[in-house]
Amino acid sequence: MNSQNEAAPQLGAGQQGFSTEDILWAAGIWSVILTLSPVIVFYMLMVA
């Protein structure tokens, strides 16, 4: 009974949309990508 009650809110939140943790995780990934992309481009220009 307890495991079903604990799992239900997580299922509902997943169906409604993104949770705060998902948004923070995605924002962190994009910030890393956008921060490193100029460095990678500069490196490729110097090597080429």
PDB file of N, CA and C in Angstrom:
ATOM      1  N   MET A   1       0.831  -1.205   0.000  1.00  0.00           N
ATOM      2  CA  MET A   1       0.000   0.000   0.000  1.00  0.00           C
ATOM      3  C   MET A   1       0.865   1.254   0.000  1.00  0.00           C
ATOM      4  N   ASN A   2       1.904   1.272   0.844  1.00  0.00           N
ATOM      5  CA  ASN A   2       2.738   2.466   0.938  1.00  0.00           C
ATOM      6  C   ASN A   2       3.504   2.716  -0.356  1.00  0.00           C
ATOM      7  N   SER A   3       4.017   1.657  -0.972  1.00  0.00           N
ATOM      8  CA  SER A   3       4.796   1.845  -2.192  1.00  0.00           C
ATOM      9  C   SER A   3       3.915   2.391  -3.309  1.00  0.00           C
ATOM     10  N   GLN A   4       2.674   1.961  -3.373  1.00  0.00           N
ATOM     11  CA  GLN A   4       1.767   2.472  -4.408  1.00  0.00           C
ATOM     12  C   GLN A   4       1.465   3.947  -4.169  1.00  0.00           C
ATOM     13  N   ASN A   5       1.266   4.324  -2.925  1.00  0.00           N
ATOM     14  CA  ASN A   5       0.955   5.719  -2.623  1.00  0.00           C
ATOM     15  C   ASN A   5       2.158   6.624  -2.919  1.00  0.00           C
ATOM     16  N   GLU A   6       3.369   6.119  -2.716  1.00  0.00           N
ATOM     17  CA  GLU A   6       4.554   6.932  -2.981  1.00  0.00           C
ATOM     18  C   GLU A   6       4.811   7.053  -4.481  1.00  0.00           C
ATOM     19  N   ALA A   7       4.462   6.022  -5.240  1.00  0.00           N
ATOM     20  CA  ALA A   7       4.746   6.039  -6.674  1.00  0.00           C
ATOM     21  C   ALA A   7       3.726   6.885  -7.431  1.00  0.00           C
ATOM     22  N   ALA A   8       2.518   6.993  -6.919  1.00  0.00           N
ATOM     23  CA  ALA A   8       1.452   7.700  -7.642  1.00  0.00           C
ATOM     24  C   ALA A   8       1.771   9.176  -7.892  1.00  0.00           C
ATOM     25  N   PRO A   9       2.235   9.943  -6.907  1.00  0.00           N
ATOM     26  CA  PRO A   9       2.532  11.357  -7.176  1.00  0.00           C
ATOM     27  C   PRO A   9       3.643  11.521  -8.215  1.00  0.00           C
ATOM     28  N   GLN A  10       4.639  10.636  -8.222  1.00  0.00           N
ATOM     29  CA  GLN A  10       5.714  10.735  -9.198  1.00  0.00           C
ATOM     30  C   GLN A  10       5.169  10.492 -10.601  1.00  0.00           C
ATOM     31  N   LEU A  11       4.261   9.534 -10.739  1.00  0.00           N
ATOM     32  CA  LEU A  11       3.660   9.257 -12.036  1.00  0.00           C
ATOM     33  C   LEU A  11       2.853  10.467 -12.499  1.00  0.00           C
ATOM     34  N   GLY A  12       2.082  11.056 -11.599  1.00  0.00           N
ATOM     35  CA  GLY A  12       1.262  12.206 -11.947  1.00  0.00           C
ATOM     36  C   GLY A  12       2.131  13.383 -12.375  1.00  0.00           C
ATOM     37  N   ALA A  13       3.220  13.627 -11.652  1.00  0.00           N
ATOM     38  CA  ALA A  13       4.097  14.746 -11.979  1.00  0.00           C
ATOM     39  C   ALA A  13       4.755  14.497 -13.335  1.00  0.00           C
ATOM     40  N   GLY A  14       5.106  13.247 -13.620  1.00  0.00           N
ATOM     41  CA  GLY A  14       5.735  12.941 -14.895  1.00  0.00           C
ATOM     42  C   GLY A  14       4.783  13.157 -16.061  1.00  0.00           C
ATOM     43  N   GLN A  15       3.511  12.885 -15.843  1.00  0.00           N
ATOM     44  CA  GLN A  15       2.535  13.036 -16.916  1.00  0.00           C
ATOM     45  C   GLN A  15       2.197  14.512 -17.147  1.00  0.00           C
ATOM     46  N   GLN A  16       2.212  15.316 -16.105  1.00  0.00           N
ATOM     47  CA  GLN A  16       1.824  16.717 -16.245  1.00  0.00           C
ATOM     48  C   GLN A  16       2.885  17.513 -17.008  1.00  0.00           C
ATOM     49  N   GLY A  17       4.140  17.217 -16.798  1.00  0.00           N
ATOM     50  CA  GLY A  17       5.190  17.965 -17.496  1.00  0.00           C
ATOM     51  C   GLY A  17       6.529  17.762 -16.820  1.00  0.00           C
ATOM     52  N   PHE A  18       7.416  18.712 -17.034  1.00  0.00           N
ATOM     53  CA  PHE A  18       8.755  18.608 -16.473  1.00  0.00           C
ATOM     54  C   PHE A  18       8.744  19.002 -15.004  1.00  0.00           C
ATOM     55  N   SER A  19       9.521  18.271 -14.228  1.00  0.00           N
ATOM     56  CA  SER A  19       9.677  18.647 -12.821  1.00  0.00           C
ATOM     57  C   SER A  19      10.800  19.667 -12.704  1.00  0.00           C
ATOM     58  N   THR A  20      10.925  20.272 -11.531  1.00  0.00           N
ATOM     59  CA  THR A  20      11.973  21.276 -11.327  1.00  0.00           C
ATOM     60  C   THR A  20      13.351  20.656 -11.516  1.00  0.00           C
ATOM     61  N   GLU A  21      13.509  19.408 -11.079  1.00  0.00           N
ATOM     62  CA  GLU A  21      14.806  18.741 -11.209  1.00  0.00           C
ATOM     63  C   GLU A  21      15.165  18.537 -12.685  1.00  0.00           C
ATOM     64  N   ASP A  22      14.172  18.183 -13.495  1.00  0.00           N
ATOM     65  CA  ASP A  22      14.430  17.997 -14.924  1.00  0.00           C
ATOM     66  C   ASP A  22      14.862  19.311 -15.570  1.00  0.00           C
ATOM     67  N   ILE A  23      14.208  20.405 -15.183  1.00  0.00           N
ATOM     68  CA  ILE A  23      14.538  21.714 -15.762  1.00  0.00           C
ATOM     69  C   ILE A  23      15.952  22.131 -15.358  1.00  0.00           C
ATOM     70  N   LEU A  24      16.301  21.921 -14.080  1.00  0.00           N
ATOM     71  CA  LEU A  24      17.649  22.286 -13.616  1.00  0.00           C
ATOM     72  C   LEU A  24      18.702  21.425 -14.311  1.00  0.00           C
ATOM     73  N   TRP A  25      18.399  20.129 -14.497  1.00  0.00           N
ATOM     74  CA  TRP A  25      19.354  19.228 -15.156  1.00  0.00           C
ATOM     75  C   TRP A  25      19.572  19.673 -16.598  1.00  0.00           C
ATOM     76  N   ALA A  26      18.482  19.991 -17.308  1.00  0.00           N
ATOM     77  CA  ALA A  26      18.599  20.414 -18.702  1.00  0.00           C
ATOM     78  C   ALA A  26      19.348  21.748 -18.798  1.00  0.00           C
ATOM     79  N   ALA A  27      19.054  22.667 -17.883  1.00  0.00           N
ATOM     80  CA  ALA A  27      19.728  23.964 -17.893  1.00  0.00           C
ATOM     81  C   ALA A  27      21.224  23.787 -17.640  1.00  0.00           C
ATOM     82  N   GLY A  28      21.581  22.871 -16.760  1.00  0.00           N
ATOM     83  CA  GLY A  28      22.992  22.613 -16.481  1.00  0.00           C
ATOM     84  C   GLY A  28      23.706  22.047 -17.693  1.00  0.00           C
ATOM     85  N   ILE A  29      23.055  21.109 -18.382  1.00  0.00           N
ATOM     86  CA  ILE A  29      23.664  20.513 -19.576  1.00  0.00           C
ATOM     87  C   ILE A  29      23.865  21.568 -20.660  1.00  0.00           C
ATOM     88  N   TRP A  30      22.836  22.403 -20.878  1.00  0.00           N
ATOM     89  CA  TRP A  30      22.944  23.419 -21.924  1.00  0.00           C
ATOM     90  C   TRP A  30      23.984  24.464 -21.568  1.00  0.00           C
ATOM     91  N   SER A  31      24.095  24.807 -20.294  1.00  0.00           N
ATOM     92  CA  SER A  31      25.101  25.801 -19.910  1.00  0.00           C
ATOM     93  C   SER A  31      26.512  25.271 -20.181  1.00  0.00           C
ATOM     94  N   VAL A  32      26.725  23.985 -19.926  1.00  0.00           N
ATOM     95  CA  VAL A  32      28.035  23.388 -20.208  1.00  0.00           C
ATOM     96  C   VAL A  32      28.297  23.384 -21.707  1.00  0.00           C
ATOM     97  N   ILE A  33      27.294  23.011 -22.501  1.00  0.00           N
ATOM     98  CA  ILE A  33      27.467  22.963 -23.954  1.00  0.00           C
ATOM     99  C   ILE A  33      27.768  24.356 -24.505  1.00  0.00           C
ATOM    100  N   LEU A  34      26.993  25.338 -24.081  1.00  0.00           N
ATOM    101  CA  LEU A  34      27.176  26.693 -24.606  1.00  0.00           C
ATOM    102  C   LEU A  34      28.492  27.306 -24.122  1.00  0.00           C
ATOM    103  N   THR A  35      28.955  26.883 -22.952  1.00  0.00           N
ATOM    104  CA  THR A  35      30.230  27.404 -22.450  1.00  0.00           C
ATOM    105  C   THR A  35      31.411  26.797 -23.193  1.00  0.00           C
ATOM    106  N   LEU A  36      31.328  25.520 -23.531  1.00  0.00           N
ATOM    107  CA  LEU A  36      32.452  24.840 -24.164  1.00  0.00           C
ATOM    108  C   LEU A  36      32.476  25.007 -25.680  1.00  0.00           C
ATOM    109  N   SER A  37      31.345  25.328 -26.301  1.00  0.00           N
ATOM    110  CA  SER A  37      31.315  25.395 -27.759  1.00  0.00           C
ATOM    111  C   SER A  37      32.297  26.430 -28.325  1.00  0.00           C
ATOM    112  N   PRO A  38      32.439  27.650 -27.783  1.00  0.00           N
ATOM    113  CA  PRO A  38      33.447  28.575 -28.330  1.00  0.00           C
ATOM    114  C   PRO A  38      34.868  28.038 -28.172  1.00  0.00           C
ATOM    115  N   VAL A  39      35.132  27.364 -27.076  1.00  0.00           N
ATOM    116  CA  VAL A  39      36.465  26.790 -26.857  1.00  0.00           C
ATOM    117  C   VAL A  39      36.757  25.730 -27.907  1.00  0.00           C
ATOM    118  N   ILE A  40      35.763  24.876 -28.201  1.00  0.00           N
ATOM    119  CA  ILE A  40      35.955  23.821 -29.204  1.00  0.00           C
ATOM    120  C   ILE A  40      36.150  24.432 -30.581  1.00  0.00           C
ATOM    121  N   VAL A  41      35.359  25.457 -30.916  1.00  0.00           N
ATOM    122  CA  VAL A  41      35.491  26.108 -32.224  1.00  0.00           C
ATOM    123  C   VAL A  41      36.857  26.757 -32.353  1.00  0.00           C
ATOM    124  N   PHE A  42      37.314  27.452 -31.326  1.00  0.00           N
ATOM    125  CA  PHE A  42      38.624  28.098 -31.347  1.00  0.00           C
ATOM    126  C   PHE A  42      39.734  27.058 -31.516  1.00  0.00           C
ATOM    127  N   TYR A  43      39.605  25.928 -30.794  1.00  0.00           N
ATOM    128  CA  TYR A  43      40.597  24.863 -30.908  1.00  0.00           C
ATOM    129  C   TYR A  43      40.635  24.293 -32.330  1.00  0.00           C
ATOM    130  N   MET A  44      39.459  24.083 -32.910  1.00  0.00           N
ATOM    131  CA  MET A  44      39.402  23.538 -34.273  1.00  0.00           C
ATOM    132  C   MET A  44      40.028  24.530 -35.270  1.00  0.00           C
ATOM    133  N   LEU A  45      39.802  25.821 -35.076  1.00  0.00           N
ATOM    134  CA  LEU A  45      40.385  26.813 -35.992  1.00  0.00           C
ATOM    135  C   LEU A  45      41.915  26.835 -35.858  1.00  0.00           C
ATOM    136  N   MET A  46      42.410  26.684 -34.657  1.00  0.00           N
ATOM    137  CA  MET A  46      43.858  26.724 -34.445  1.00  0.00           C
ATOM    138  C   MET A  46      44.518  25.467 -35.022  1.00  0.00           C
ATOM    139  N   VAL A  47      43.852  24.319 -34.895  1.00  0.00           N
ATOM    140  CA  VAL A  47      44.438  23.070 -35.380  1.00  0.00           C
ATOM    141  C   VAL A  47      44.346  22.970 -36.899  1.00  0.00           C
ATOM    142  N   ALA A  48      43.242  23.417 -37.453  1.00  0.00           N
ATOM    143  CA  ALA A  48      43.012  23.262 -38.912  1.00  0.00           C
ATOM    144  C   ALA A  48      44.011  24.100 -39.722  1.00  0.00           C
TER     145      ALA A  48
END
